[in-house]
Amino acid sequence: MTPEQTNKYRQYLRLLISYNDYKKSGEIADLILSEQYYEKRKKVKEEEEEQQKIRKLWEGLNCSMIIAYCRPFSGNDKKSKNKIPDLTKKVLDCLTKKEKFLHNEIIEERNKIIAHSDSEAWDITPQYILIEETNNKILFPCHKDVRAPLLPQYVKMISEMNSKLMEEIFSRRMVLENELTDFFPIQPVSIKNNKK
């Protein structure tokens, strides 16, 4: 392969990987919506243990959805000799202006909150709480709710964005597949006829 063909082949591999990342993110988004964690949590306010269980499941799925969504743009293969480039940002042209804004917010959330514990995101401020009746002080670390899952309307948008990005990736994949068809290895497979 020429250097140009090698580059296209690596782009093709990223498209294959990214398609699966968006498929996984979409499946998780759809699960969050179908399980209605936001609504369930509001219904069980009196049962704190059940409310915490729902919140933990919802937070975990939210993190997984965002991580899968961000993988194609996360600086992959940094130490690899045969680095496969990140997905090109031109893929995002299929998104609306509002969706592109959400895309950037998701990337920032992944970088500051989910993959790291950014101090600005936490905005943590230890402060004393004074109990007036006893004049006792309790040190309390006040901070933003960095683990708060996304609201259903944003999860729905992410689900739709995943579908759009999968379609865009598939169409780009087909173009490269046609250009690279001579370079894909052929694996012989024997199919036995089991008819009686």
N, C-alpha and C. Protein backbone atom coordinates (compact mmCIF):
# COMPACT_ATOMS: atom_id res chain seq x y z
N MET A 1 0.84 -1.18 0.00
CA MET A 1 0.00 0.00 0.00
C MET A 1 0.88 1.25 0.00
N THR A 2 0.41 2.26 -0.69
CA THR A 2 1.09 3.56 -0.65
C THR A 2 0.81 4.21 0.70
N PRO A 3 1.59 5.23 1.07
CA PRO A 3 1.30 5.93 2.33
C PRO A 3 -0.14 6.48 2.37
N GLU A 4 -0.63 6.96 1.23
CA GLU A 4 -2.00 7.48 1.18
C GLU A 4 -3.02 6.36 1.43
N GLN A 5 -2.78 5.20 0.82
CA GLN A 5 -3.68 4.06 1.01
C GLN A 5 -3.61 3.55 2.46
N THR A 6 -2.42 3.56 3.03
CA THR A 6 -2.25 3.15 4.43
C THR A 6 -3.04 4.08 5.34
N ASN A 7 -2.96 5.36 5.08
CA ASN A 7 -3.71 6.35 5.85
C ASN A 7 -5.22 6.11 5.73
N LYS A 8 -5.68 5.84 4.52
CA LYS A 8 -7.11 5.57 4.31
C LYS A 8 -7.52 4.28 5.02
N TYR A 9 -6.64 3.29 4.99
CA TYR A 9 -6.93 2.03 5.67
C TYR A 9 -7.09 2.26 7.18
N ARG A 10 -6.21 3.07 7.75
CA ARG A 10 -6.30 3.37 9.18
C ARG A 10 -7.56 4.17 9.49
N GLN A 11 -7.92 5.09 8.61
CA GLN A 11 -9.18 5.82 8.79
C GLN A 11 -10.36 4.86 8.74
N TYR A 12 -10.29 3.91 7.83
CA TYR A 12 -11.34 2.91 7.70
C TYR A 12 -11.49 2.12 9.01
N LEU A 13 -10.36 1.71 9.60
CA LEU A 13 -10.41 0.98 10.87
C LEU A 13 -11.06 1.82 11.96
N ARG A 14 -10.73 3.13 12.01
CA ARG A 14 -11.34 4.01 13.01
C ARG A 14 -12.85 4.09 12.79
N LEU A 15 -13.29 4.12 11.53
CA LEU A 15 -14.72 4.15 11.25
C LEU A 15 -15.40 2.90 11.79
N LEU A 16 -14.77 1.74 11.59
CA LEU A 16 -15.35 0.49 12.10
C LEU A 16 -15.46 0.51 13.63
N ILE A 17 -14.39 0.97 14.28
CA ILE A 17 -14.38 1.03 15.74
C ILE A 17 -15.41 2.04 16.24
N SER A 18 -15.44 3.22 15.61
CA SER A 18 -16.33 4.30 16.05
C SER A 18 -17.80 3.93 15.87
N TYR A 19 -18.10 3.21 14.82
CA TYR A 19 -19.48 2.76 14.60
C TYR A 19 -19.94 1.96 15.81
N ASN A 20 -19.08 1.06 16.29
CA ASN A 20 -19.43 0.24 17.45
C ASN A 20 -19.52 1.06 18.73
N ASP A 21 -18.65 2.09 18.86
CA ASP A 21 -18.74 2.98 20.02
C ASP A 21 -20.09 3.69 20.05
N TYR A 22 -20.53 4.22 18.92
CA TYR A 22 -21.81 4.93 18.87
C TYR A 22 -22.99 3.98 19.02
N LYS A 23 -22.82 2.76 18.54
CA LYS A 23 -23.87 1.76 18.73
C LYS A 23 -24.04 1.47 20.23
N LYS A 24 -22.91 1.29 20.93
CA LYS A 24 -22.96 1.01 22.37
C LYS A 24 -23.54 2.20 23.13
N SER A 25 -23.10 3.42 22.81
CA SER A 25 -23.62 4.61 23.47
C SER A 25 -25.13 4.72 23.25
N GLY A 26 -25.59 4.44 22.04
CA GLY A 26 -27.01 4.50 21.72
C GLY A 26 -27.82 3.46 22.49
N GLU A 27 -27.27 2.25 22.60
CA GLU A 27 -27.96 1.19 23.35
C GLU A 27 -28.12 1.59 24.82
N ILE A 28 -27.07 2.18 25.38
CA ILE A 28 -27.13 2.59 26.79
C ILE A 28 -28.12 3.75 26.96
N ALA A 29 -28.08 4.72 26.03
CA ALA A 29 -29.03 5.84 26.10
C ALA A 29 -30.46 5.32 26.04
N ASP A 30 -30.71 4.38 25.15
CA ASP A 30 -32.06 3.83 25.02
C ASP A 30 -32.47 3.07 26.29
N LEU A 31 -31.51 2.39 26.93
CA LEU A 31 -31.80 1.68 28.17
C LEU A 31 -32.15 2.68 29.29
N ILE A 32 -31.38 3.77 29.39
CA ILE A 32 -31.67 4.80 30.40
C ILE A 32 -33.09 5.33 30.20
N LEU A 33 -33.44 5.59 28.96
CA LEU A 33 -34.78 6.13 28.67
C LEU A 33 -35.87 5.10 28.95
N SER A 34 -35.65 3.85 28.54
CA SER A 34 -36.69 2.83 28.73
C SER A 34 -36.88 2.48 30.21
N GLU A 35 -35.80 2.52 30.98
CA GLU A 35 -35.90 2.22 32.42
C GLU A 35 -36.45 3.39 33.22
N GLN A 36 -36.47 4.56 32.63
CA GLN A 36 -37.06 5.77 33.24
C GLN A 36 -36.51 6.04 34.64
N TYR A 37 -35.18 6.04 34.76
CA TYR A 37 -34.55 6.27 36.06
C TYR A 37 -34.93 7.62 36.67
N TYR A 38 -35.02 8.64 35.84
CA TYR A 38 -35.38 9.97 36.34
C TYR A 38 -36.75 9.92 37.03
N GLU A 39 -37.72 9.30 36.36
CA GLU A 39 -39.07 9.21 36.91
C GLU A 39 -39.12 8.27 38.12
N LYS A 40 -38.41 7.14 38.04
CA LYS A 40 -38.40 6.17 39.15
C LYS A 40 -37.84 6.80 40.42
N ARG A 41 -36.79 7.58 40.27
CA ARG A 41 -36.15 8.17 41.44
C ARG A 41 -37.09 9.15 42.14
N LYS A 42 -37.86 9.88 41.37
CA LYS A 42 -38.82 10.81 41.97
C LYS A 42 -39.94 10.07 42.70
N LYS A 43 -40.31 8.88 42.21
CA LYS A 43 -41.43 8.13 42.79
C LYS A 43 -41.08 7.49 44.14
N VAL A 44 -39.80 7.22 44.38
CA VAL A 44 -39.42 6.50 45.60
C VAL A 44 -38.73 7.43 46.61
N LYS A 45 -39.16 8.67 46.68
CA LYS A 45 -38.52 9.65 47.59
C LYS A 45 -38.53 9.19 49.04
N GLU A 46 -39.56 8.50 49.47
CA GLU A 46 -39.65 8.09 50.85
C GLU A 46 -38.73 6.90 51.16
N GLU A 47 -38.31 6.16 50.16
CA GLU A 47 -37.46 4.99 50.35
C GLU A 47 -36.02 5.35 49.95
N GLU A 48 -35.25 5.84 50.89
CA GLU A 48 -33.90 6.33 50.58
C GLU A 48 -33.00 5.26 50.00
N GLU A 49 -33.04 4.04 50.54
CA GLU A 49 -32.17 2.97 50.06
C GLU A 49 -32.47 2.65 48.59
N GLU A 50 -33.74 2.55 48.25
CA GLU A 50 -34.13 2.28 46.86
C GLU A 50 -33.75 3.46 45.96
N GLN A 51 -33.91 4.65 46.45
CA GLN A 51 -33.57 5.85 45.69
C GLN A 51 -32.06 5.87 45.38
N GLN A 52 -31.24 5.50 46.37
CA GLN A 52 -29.78 5.46 46.17
C GLN A 52 -29.39 4.37 45.16
N LYS A 53 -30.08 3.25 45.22
CA LYS A 53 -29.80 2.16 44.27
C LYS A 53 -30.10 2.62 42.85
N ILE A 54 -31.24 3.25 42.66
CA ILE A 54 -31.61 3.76 41.33
C ILE A 54 -30.59 4.80 40.87
N ARG A 55 -30.21 5.71 41.76
CA ARG A 55 -29.25 6.76 41.42
C ARG A 55 -27.91 6.16 40.98
N LYS A 56 -27.44 5.13 41.69
CA LYS A 56 -26.15 4.52 41.35
C LYS A 56 -26.20 3.83 39.99
N LEU A 57 -27.28 3.11 39.73
CA LEU A 57 -27.43 2.47 38.41
C LEU A 57 -27.47 3.52 37.30
N TRP A 58 -28.24 4.55 37.53
CA TRP A 58 -28.40 5.64 36.56
C TRP A 58 -27.06 6.34 36.31
N GLU A 59 -26.31 6.64 37.39
CA GLU A 59 -25.00 7.27 37.24
C GLU A 59 -24.05 6.39 36.45
N GLY A 60 -24.03 5.09 36.76
CA GLY A 60 -23.15 4.16 36.06
C GLY A 60 -23.46 4.08 34.58
N LEU A 61 -24.74 3.99 34.26
CA LEU A 61 -25.12 3.95 32.84
C LEU A 61 -24.81 5.26 32.15
N ASN A 62 -25.03 6.37 32.84
CA ASN A 62 -24.73 7.69 32.28
C ASN A 62 -23.23 7.79 31.94
N CYS A 63 -22.37 7.35 32.87
CA CYS A 63 -20.93 7.37 32.62
C CYS A 63 -20.56 6.49 31.42
N SER A 64 -21.12 5.30 31.38
CA SER A 64 -20.83 4.38 30.27
C SER A 64 -21.27 4.95 28.93
N MET A 65 -22.44 5.59 28.91
CA MET A 65 -22.96 6.20 27.68
C MET A 65 -22.01 7.30 27.19
N ILE A 66 -21.57 8.15 28.11
CA ILE A 66 -20.70 9.27 27.75
C ILE A 66 -19.33 8.77 27.31
N ILE A 67 -18.78 7.80 28.02
CA ILE A 67 -17.47 7.26 27.65
C ILE A 67 -17.52 6.66 26.26
N ALA A 68 -18.53 5.84 25.97
CA ALA A 68 -18.65 5.23 24.64
C ALA A 68 -18.82 6.31 23.58
N TYR A 69 -19.61 7.33 23.87
CA TYR A 69 -19.84 8.42 22.92
C TYR A 69 -18.53 9.16 22.59
N CYS A 70 -17.69 9.36 23.58
CA CYS A 70 -16.47 10.18 23.42
C CYS A 70 -15.28 9.41 22.86
N ARG A 71 -15.29 8.10 22.90
CA ARG A 71 -14.13 7.31 22.49
C ARG A 71 -13.56 7.69 21.12
N PRO A 72 -14.38 7.91 20.10
CA PRO A 72 -13.80 8.22 18.79
C PRO A 72 -12.96 9.49 18.75
N PHE A 73 -13.11 10.36 19.76
CA PHE A 73 -12.38 11.63 19.79
C PHE A 73 -11.46 11.74 21.01
N SER A 74 -11.09 10.63 21.61
CA SER A 74 -10.40 10.67 22.90
C SER A 74 -8.88 10.51 22.83
N GLY A 75 -8.28 10.79 21.70
CA GLY A 75 -6.82 10.68 21.61
C GLY A 75 -6.35 9.25 21.73
N ASN A 76 -6.92 8.38 20.93
CA ASN A 76 -6.64 6.95 20.97
C ASN A 76 -5.26 6.62 20.40
N ASP A 77 -4.75 5.47 20.78
CA ASP A 77 -3.51 4.90 20.22
C ASP A 77 -2.31 5.83 20.34
N LYS A 78 -2.20 6.60 21.39
CA LYS A 78 -1.10 7.58 21.53
C LYS A 78 0.28 6.93 21.46
N LYS A 79 0.42 5.74 22.03
CA LYS A 79 1.74 5.10 22.10
C LYS A 79 1.94 4.02 21.04
N SER A 80 1.00 3.87 20.15
CA SER A 80 1.07 2.81 19.13
C SER A 80 1.92 3.24 17.94
N LYS A 81 2.73 2.32 17.44
CA LYS A 81 3.51 2.59 16.22
C LYS A 81 2.58 2.75 15.02
N ASN A 82 1.55 1.96 14.98
CA ASN A 82 0.59 1.99 13.87
C ASN A 82 -0.67 2.71 14.30
N LYS A 83 -0.51 3.93 14.74
CA LYS A 83 -1.62 4.73 15.28
C LYS A 83 -2.77 4.83 14.29
N ILE A 84 -3.95 4.53 14.81
CA ILE A 84 -5.18 4.74 14.03
C ILE A 84 -5.70 6.10 14.47
N PRO A 85 -5.86 7.03 13.55
CA PRO A 85 -6.25 8.39 13.95
C PRO A 85 -7.64 8.43 14.57
N ASP A 86 -7.86 9.48 15.37
CA ASP A 86 -9.20 9.71 15.89
C ASP A 86 -10.15 9.99 14.72
N LEU A 87 -11.40 9.89 14.99
CA LEU A 87 -12.43 10.19 14.00
C LEU A 87 -12.31 11.66 13.60
N THR A 88 -12.42 11.94 12.32
CA THR A 88 -12.34 13.32 11.86
C THR A 88 -13.56 14.11 12.31
N LYS A 89 -13.35 15.36 12.69
CA LYS A 89 -14.47 16.19 13.17
C LYS A 89 -15.46 16.52 12.06
N LYS A 90 -15.10 16.26 10.80
CA LYS A 90 -16.04 16.49 9.70
C LYS A 90 -17.26 15.58 9.82
N VAL A 91 -17.11 14.48 10.53
CA VAL A 91 -18.24 13.56 10.76
C VAL A 91 -19.37 14.29 11.48
N LEU A 92 -19.01 15.29 12.28
CA LEU A 92 -20.01 16.02 13.06
C LEU A 92 -20.89 16.93 12.21
N ASP A 93 -20.56 17.09 10.93
CA ASP A 93 -21.38 17.94 10.04
C ASP A 93 -22.82 17.44 9.92
N CYS A 94 -23.06 16.19 10.26
CA CYS A 94 -24.42 15.64 10.18
C CYS A 94 -25.29 16.10 11.35
N LEU A 95 -24.67 16.71 12.35
CA LEU A 95 -25.41 17.16 13.55
C LEU A 95 -25.91 18.59 13.39
N THR A 96 -26.99 18.90 14.07
CA THR A 96 -27.51 20.28 14.09
C THR A 96 -26.60 21.13 14.99
N LYS A 97 -26.82 22.43 14.96
CA LYS A 97 -26.04 23.35 15.79
C LYS A 97 -26.23 23.01 17.28
N LYS A 98 -27.45 22.74 17.66
CA LYS A 98 -27.77 22.38 19.05
C LYS A 98 -27.08 21.07 19.44
N GLU A 99 -27.07 20.11 18.53
CA GLU A 99 -26.43 18.81 18.80
C GLU A 99 -24.91 18.97 18.89
N LYS A 100 -24.33 19.83 18.05
CA LYS A 100 -22.89 20.08 18.13
C LYS A 100 -22.52 20.71 19.47
N PHE A 101 -23.38 21.60 19.96
CA PHE A 101 -23.15 22.20 21.27
C PHE A 101 -23.16 21.12 22.34
N LEU A 102 -24.15 20.23 22.29
CA LEU A 102 -24.23 19.13 23.26
C LEU A 102 -23.02 18.22 23.12
N HIS A 103 -22.59 17.95 21.89
CA HIS A 103 -21.40 17.13 21.65
C HIS A 103 -20.20 17.71 22.41
N ASN A 104 -19.98 19.00 22.28
CA ASN A 104 -18.85 19.65 22.97
C ASN A 104 -19.01 19.58 24.49
N GLU A 105 -20.23 19.72 24.97
CA GLU A 105 -20.49 19.62 26.41
C GLU A 105 -20.20 18.20 26.92
N ILE A 106 -20.56 17.20 26.12
CA ILE A 106 -20.33 15.80 26.51
C ILE A 106 -18.83 15.53 26.57
N ILE A 107 -18.09 16.00 25.57
CA ILE A 107 -16.63 15.81 25.56
C ILE A 107 -16.02 16.47 26.79
N GLU A 108 -16.46 17.68 27.12
CA GLU A 108 -15.94 18.38 28.28
C GLU A 108 -16.29 17.64 29.58
N GLU A 109 -17.52 17.13 29.66
CA GLU A 109 -17.92 16.38 30.85
C GLU A 109 -17.07 15.13 31.02
N ARG A 110 -16.82 14.45 29.92
CA ARG A 110 -15.96 13.26 29.97
C ARG A 110 -14.56 13.63 30.47
N ASN A 111 -14.00 14.70 29.92
CA ASN A 111 -12.63 15.09 30.26
C ASN A 111 -12.49 15.64 31.67
N LYS A 112 -13.50 16.36 32.15
CA LYS A 112 -13.38 17.02 33.45
C LYS A 112 -13.98 16.22 34.61
N ILE A 113 -15.00 15.45 34.34
CA ILE A 113 -15.74 14.82 35.44
C ILE A 113 -15.67 13.30 35.42
N ILE A 114 -15.84 12.71 34.26
CA ILE A 114 -15.96 11.26 34.22
C ILE A 114 -14.60 10.57 34.18
N ALA A 115 -13.70 11.02 33.30
CA ALA A 115 -12.38 10.39 33.20
C ALA A 115 -11.40 10.97 34.21
N HIS A 116 -11.69 12.15 34.74
CA HIS A 116 -10.80 12.84 35.68
C HIS A 116 -11.64 13.49 36.78
N SER A 117 -10.98 13.95 37.83
CA SER A 117 -11.67 14.70 38.89
C SER A 117 -11.15 16.13 38.87
N ASP A 118 -11.63 16.90 37.92
CA ASP A 118 -11.19 18.27 37.74
C ASP A 118 -11.66 19.13 38.90
N SER A 119 -10.74 19.87 39.51
CA SER A 119 -11.09 20.66 40.69
C SER A 119 -12.07 21.78 40.36
N GLU A 120 -11.97 22.36 39.15
CA GLU A 120 -12.93 23.40 38.76
C GLU A 120 -14.33 22.83 38.66
N ALA A 121 -14.44 21.63 38.11
CA ALA A 121 -15.76 21.00 37.97
C ALA A 121 -16.36 20.71 39.34
N TRP A 122 -15.55 20.24 40.26
CA TRP A 122 -16.04 19.94 41.61
C TRP A 122 -16.39 21.20 42.38
N ASP A 123 -15.61 22.26 42.18
CA ASP A 123 -15.82 23.52 42.90
C ASP A 123 -16.03 23.25 44.40
N ILE A 124 -15.09 22.50 44.97
CA ILE A 124 -15.23 22.06 46.36
C ILE A 124 -14.79 23.16 47.33
N THR A 125 -15.59 23.36 48.34
CA THR A 125 -15.32 24.38 49.36
C THR A 125 -15.65 23.81 50.74
N PRO A 126 -14.61 23.42 51.50
CA PRO A 126 -14.89 22.95 52.86
C PRO A 126 -15.40 24.12 53.71
N GLN A 127 -16.46 23.89 54.45
CA GLN A 127 -16.98 24.94 55.33
C GLN A 127 -17.65 24.30 56.54
N TYR A 128 -17.64 25.08 57.60
CA TYR A 128 -18.27 24.60 58.82
C TYR A 128 -19.78 24.87 58.78
N ILE A 129 -20.50 23.91 59.33
CA ILE A 129 -21.93 24.09 59.55
C ILE A 129 -22.08 24.20 61.07
N LEU A 130 -22.70 25.28 61.51
CA LEU A 130 -22.87 25.52 62.93
C LEU A 130 -24.25 25.03 63.37
N ILE A 131 -24.26 24.13 64.32
CA ILE A 131 -25.52 23.66 64.89
C ILE A 131 -25.83 24.59 66.06
N GLU A 132 -26.81 25.44 65.88
CA GLU A 132 -27.08 26.52 66.82
C GLU A 132 -27.44 26.03 68.22
N GLU A 133 -28.21 24.97 68.31
CA GLU A 133 -28.65 24.48 69.63
C GLU A 133 -27.48 24.05 70.52
N THR A 134 -26.48 23.44 69.91
CA THR A 134 -25.34 22.91 70.69
C THR A 134 -24.08 23.74 70.50
N ASN A 135 -24.10 24.65 69.57
CA ASN A 135 -22.93 25.48 69.23
C ASN A 135 -21.75 24.63 68.71
N ASN A 136 -22.06 23.43 68.22
CA ASN A 136 -21.04 22.55 67.63
C ASN A 136 -20.88 22.88 66.16
N LYS A 137 -19.65 22.70 65.68
CA LYS A 137 -19.35 22.90 64.27
C LYS A 137 -19.01 21.56 63.63
N ILE A 138 -19.51 21.36 62.42
CA ILE A 138 -19.19 20.16 61.64
C ILE A 138 -18.61 20.64 60.32
N LEU A 139 -17.41 20.14 59.99
CA LEU A 139 -16.79 20.51 58.72
C LEU A 139 -17.44 19.72 57.60
N PHE A 140 -17.91 20.43 56.60
CA PHE A 140 -18.66 19.80 55.51
C PHE A 140 -18.07 20.24 54.17
N PRO A 141 -17.68 19.28 53.30
CA PRO A 141 -17.11 19.66 52.00
C PRO A 141 -18.21 19.93 50.96
N CYS A 142 -18.63 21.15 50.85
CA CYS A 142 -19.66 21.49 49.86
C CYS A 142 -19.05 21.45 48.46
N HIS A 143 -19.81 20.89 47.51
CA HIS A 143 -19.32 20.82 46.12
C HIS A 143 -20.50 20.64 45.17
N LYS A 144 -20.21 20.81 43.89
CA LYS A 144 -21.24 20.60 42.87
C LYS A 144 -21.52 19.10 42.76
N ASP A 145 -22.69 18.78 42.28
CA ASP A 145 -23.08 17.37 42.09
C ASP A 145 -22.52 16.89 40.76
N VAL A 146 -21.22 16.59 40.75
CA VAL A 146 -20.54 16.24 39.50
C VAL A 146 -21.00 14.90 38.93
N ARG A 147 -21.55 14.05 39.73
CA ARG A 147 -21.98 12.73 39.24
C ARG A 147 -23.45 12.73 38.78
N ALA A 148 -24.07 13.89 38.81
CA ALA A 148 -25.49 13.95 38.42
C ALA A 148 -25.67 13.48 36.98
N PRO A 149 -26.52 12.48 36.77
CA PRO A 149 -26.76 11.99 35.41
C PRO A 149 -27.49 13.04 34.57
N LEU A 150 -27.35 12.91 33.27
CA LEU A 150 -28.03 13.82 32.35
C LEU A 150 -29.54 13.61 32.41
N LEU A 151 -30.27 14.68 32.23
CA LEU A 151 -31.73 14.61 32.23
C LEU A 151 -32.22 13.90 30.96
N PRO A 152 -33.42 13.31 31.01
CA PRO A 152 -33.93 12.52 29.88
C PRO A 152 -33.91 13.24 28.53
N GLN A 153 -34.20 14.55 28.49
CA GLN A 153 -34.22 15.23 27.20
C GLN A 153 -32.84 15.24 26.54
N TYR A 154 -31.75 15.29 27.35
CA TYR A 154 -30.41 15.25 26.79
C TYR A 154 -30.01 13.83 26.39
N VAL A 155 -30.47 12.86 27.16
CA VAL A 155 -30.20 11.46 26.80
C VAL A 155 -30.89 11.13 25.48
N LYS A 156 -32.10 11.63 25.30
CA LYS A 156 -32.83 11.42 24.04
C LYS A 156 -32.06 12.05 22.87
N MET A 157 -31.53 13.25 23.09
CA MET A 157 -30.73 13.89 22.05
C MET A 157 -29.48 13.07 21.71
N ILE A 158 -28.83 12.53 22.75
CA ILE A 158 -27.63 11.71 22.53
C ILE A 158 -28.00 10.46 21.73
N SER A 159 -29.12 9.86 22.05
CA SER A 159 -29.58 8.69 21.31
C SER A 159 -29.75 9.03 19.82
N GLU A 160 -30.38 10.17 19.55
CA GLU A 160 -30.57 10.60 18.16
C GLU A 160 -29.24 10.93 17.49
N MET A 161 -28.33 11.56 18.24
CA MET A 161 -27.01 11.89 17.69
C MET A 161 -26.24 10.61 17.34
N ASN A 162 -26.33 9.61 18.22
CA ASN A 162 -25.67 8.33 17.95
C ASN A 162 -26.15 7.75 16.62
N SER A 163 -27.46 7.78 16.39
CA SER A 163 -28.02 7.24 15.15
C SER A 163 -27.51 8.00 13.93
N LYS A 164 -27.50 9.32 14.02
CA LYS A 164 -26.99 10.15 12.91
C LYS A 164 -25.52 9.86 12.64
N LEU A 165 -24.74 9.78 13.71
CA LEU A 165 -23.30 9.53 13.54
C LEU A 165 -23.03 8.14 12.98
N MET A 166 -23.82 7.16 13.38
CA MET A 166 -23.67 5.82 12.82
C MET A 166 -23.96 5.81 11.32
N GLU A 167 -25.01 6.53 10.91
CA GLU A 167 -25.32 6.62 9.47
C GLU A 167 -24.20 7.31 8.70
N GLU A 168 -23.69 8.40 9.26
CA GLU A 168 -22.60 9.14 8.62
C GLU A 168 -21.35 8.27 8.51
N ILE A 169 -21.02 7.58 9.57
CA ILE A 169 -19.85 6.71 9.57
C ILE A 169 -20.02 5.58 8.57
N PHE A 170 -21.21 5.01 8.51
CA PHE A 170 -21.45 3.92 7.56
C PHE A 170 -21.26 4.39 6.12
N SER A 171 -21.77 5.58 5.80
CA SER A 171 -21.62 6.06 4.41
C SER A 171 -20.15 6.35 4.10
N ARG A 172 -19.40 6.88 5.06
CA ARG A 172 -17.97 7.13 4.85
C ARG A 172 -17.21 5.80 4.74
N ARG A 173 -17.64 4.84 5.52
CA ARG A 173 -17.03 3.52 5.48
C ARG A 173 -17.18 2.89 4.10
N MET A 174 -18.37 3.02 3.51
CA MET A 174 -18.62 2.41 2.20
C MET A 174 -17.73 3.03 1.12
N VAL A 175 -17.49 4.33 1.21
CA VAL A 175 -16.60 5.00 0.24
C VAL A 175 -15.20 4.43 0.34
N LEU A 176 -14.68 4.36 1.56
CA LEU A 176 -13.32 3.83 1.75
C LEU A 176 -13.24 2.35 1.41
N GLU A 177 -14.28 1.61 1.72
CA GLU A 177 -14.30 0.18 1.43
C GLU A 177 -14.15 -0.07 -0.07
N ASN A 178 -14.82 0.74 -0.86
CA ASN A 178 -14.71 0.61 -2.33
C ASN A 178 -13.31 0.96 -2.81
N GLU A 179 -12.68 1.93 -2.19
CA GLU A 179 -11.32 2.33 -2.59
C GLU A 179 -10.28 1.30 -2.15
N LEU A 180 -10.53 0.60 -1.08
CA LEU A 180 -9.53 -0.30 -0.50
C LEU A 180 -9.80 -1.77 -0.75
N THR A 181 -10.81 -2.09 -1.52
CA THR A 181 -11.24 -3.48 -1.67
C THR A 181 -10.12 -4.44 -2.06
N ASP A 182 -9.15 -3.99 -2.84
CA ASP A 182 -8.05 -4.87 -3.27
C ASP A 182 -7.06 -5.18 -2.15
N PHE A 183 -7.14 -4.46 -1.04
CA PHE A 183 -6.16 -4.62 0.03
C PHE A 183 -6.67 -5.46 1.20
N PHE A 184 -7.93 -5.84 1.16
CA PHE A 184 -8.46 -6.67 2.24
C PHE A 184 -8.10 -8.12 1.98
N PRO A 185 -7.58 -8.80 2.99
CA PRO A 185 -7.22 -10.22 2.80
C PRO A 185 -8.47 -11.07 2.60
N ILE A 186 -8.28 -12.16 1.92
CA ILE A 186 -9.38 -13.10 1.69
C ILE A 186 -9.13 -14.33 2.56
N GLN A 187 -10.13 -14.69 3.33
CA GLN A 187 -10.05 -15.87 4.19
C GLN A 187 -10.94 -16.96 3.60
N PRO A 188 -10.37 -18.05 3.13
CA PRO A 188 -11.20 -19.14 2.60
C PRO A 188 -12.02 -19.80 3.73
N VAL A 189 -13.26 -20.04 3.46
CA VAL A 189 -14.14 -20.68 4.43
C VAL A 189 -14.86 -21.82 3.73
N SER A 190 -14.87 -22.96 4.39
CA SER A 190 -15.54 -24.12 3.85
C SER A 190 -16.93 -24.22 4.48
N ILE A 191 -17.96 -24.26 3.65
CA ILE A 191 -19.31 -24.44 4.14
C ILE A 191 -19.78 -25.81 3.69
N LYS A 192 -19.98 -26.67 4.67
CA LYS A 192 -20.42 -28.02 4.35
C LYS A 192 -21.91 -28.04 4.20
N ASN A 193 -22.37 -28.79 3.23
CA ASN A 193 -23.80 -28.94 3.00
C ASN A 193 -24.30 -30.09 3.88
N ASN A 194 -25.11 -29.76 4.87
CA ASN A 194 -25.61 -30.78 5.79
C ASN A 194 -27.01 -31.28 5.44
N LYS A 195 -27.42 -31.12 4.21
CA LYS A 195 -28.76 -31.60 3.82
C LYS A 195 -28.74 -33.11 3.76
N LYS A 196 -29.85 -33.72 4.20
CA LYS A 196 -29.96 -35.18 4.18
C LYS A 196 -30.87 -35.61 3.06
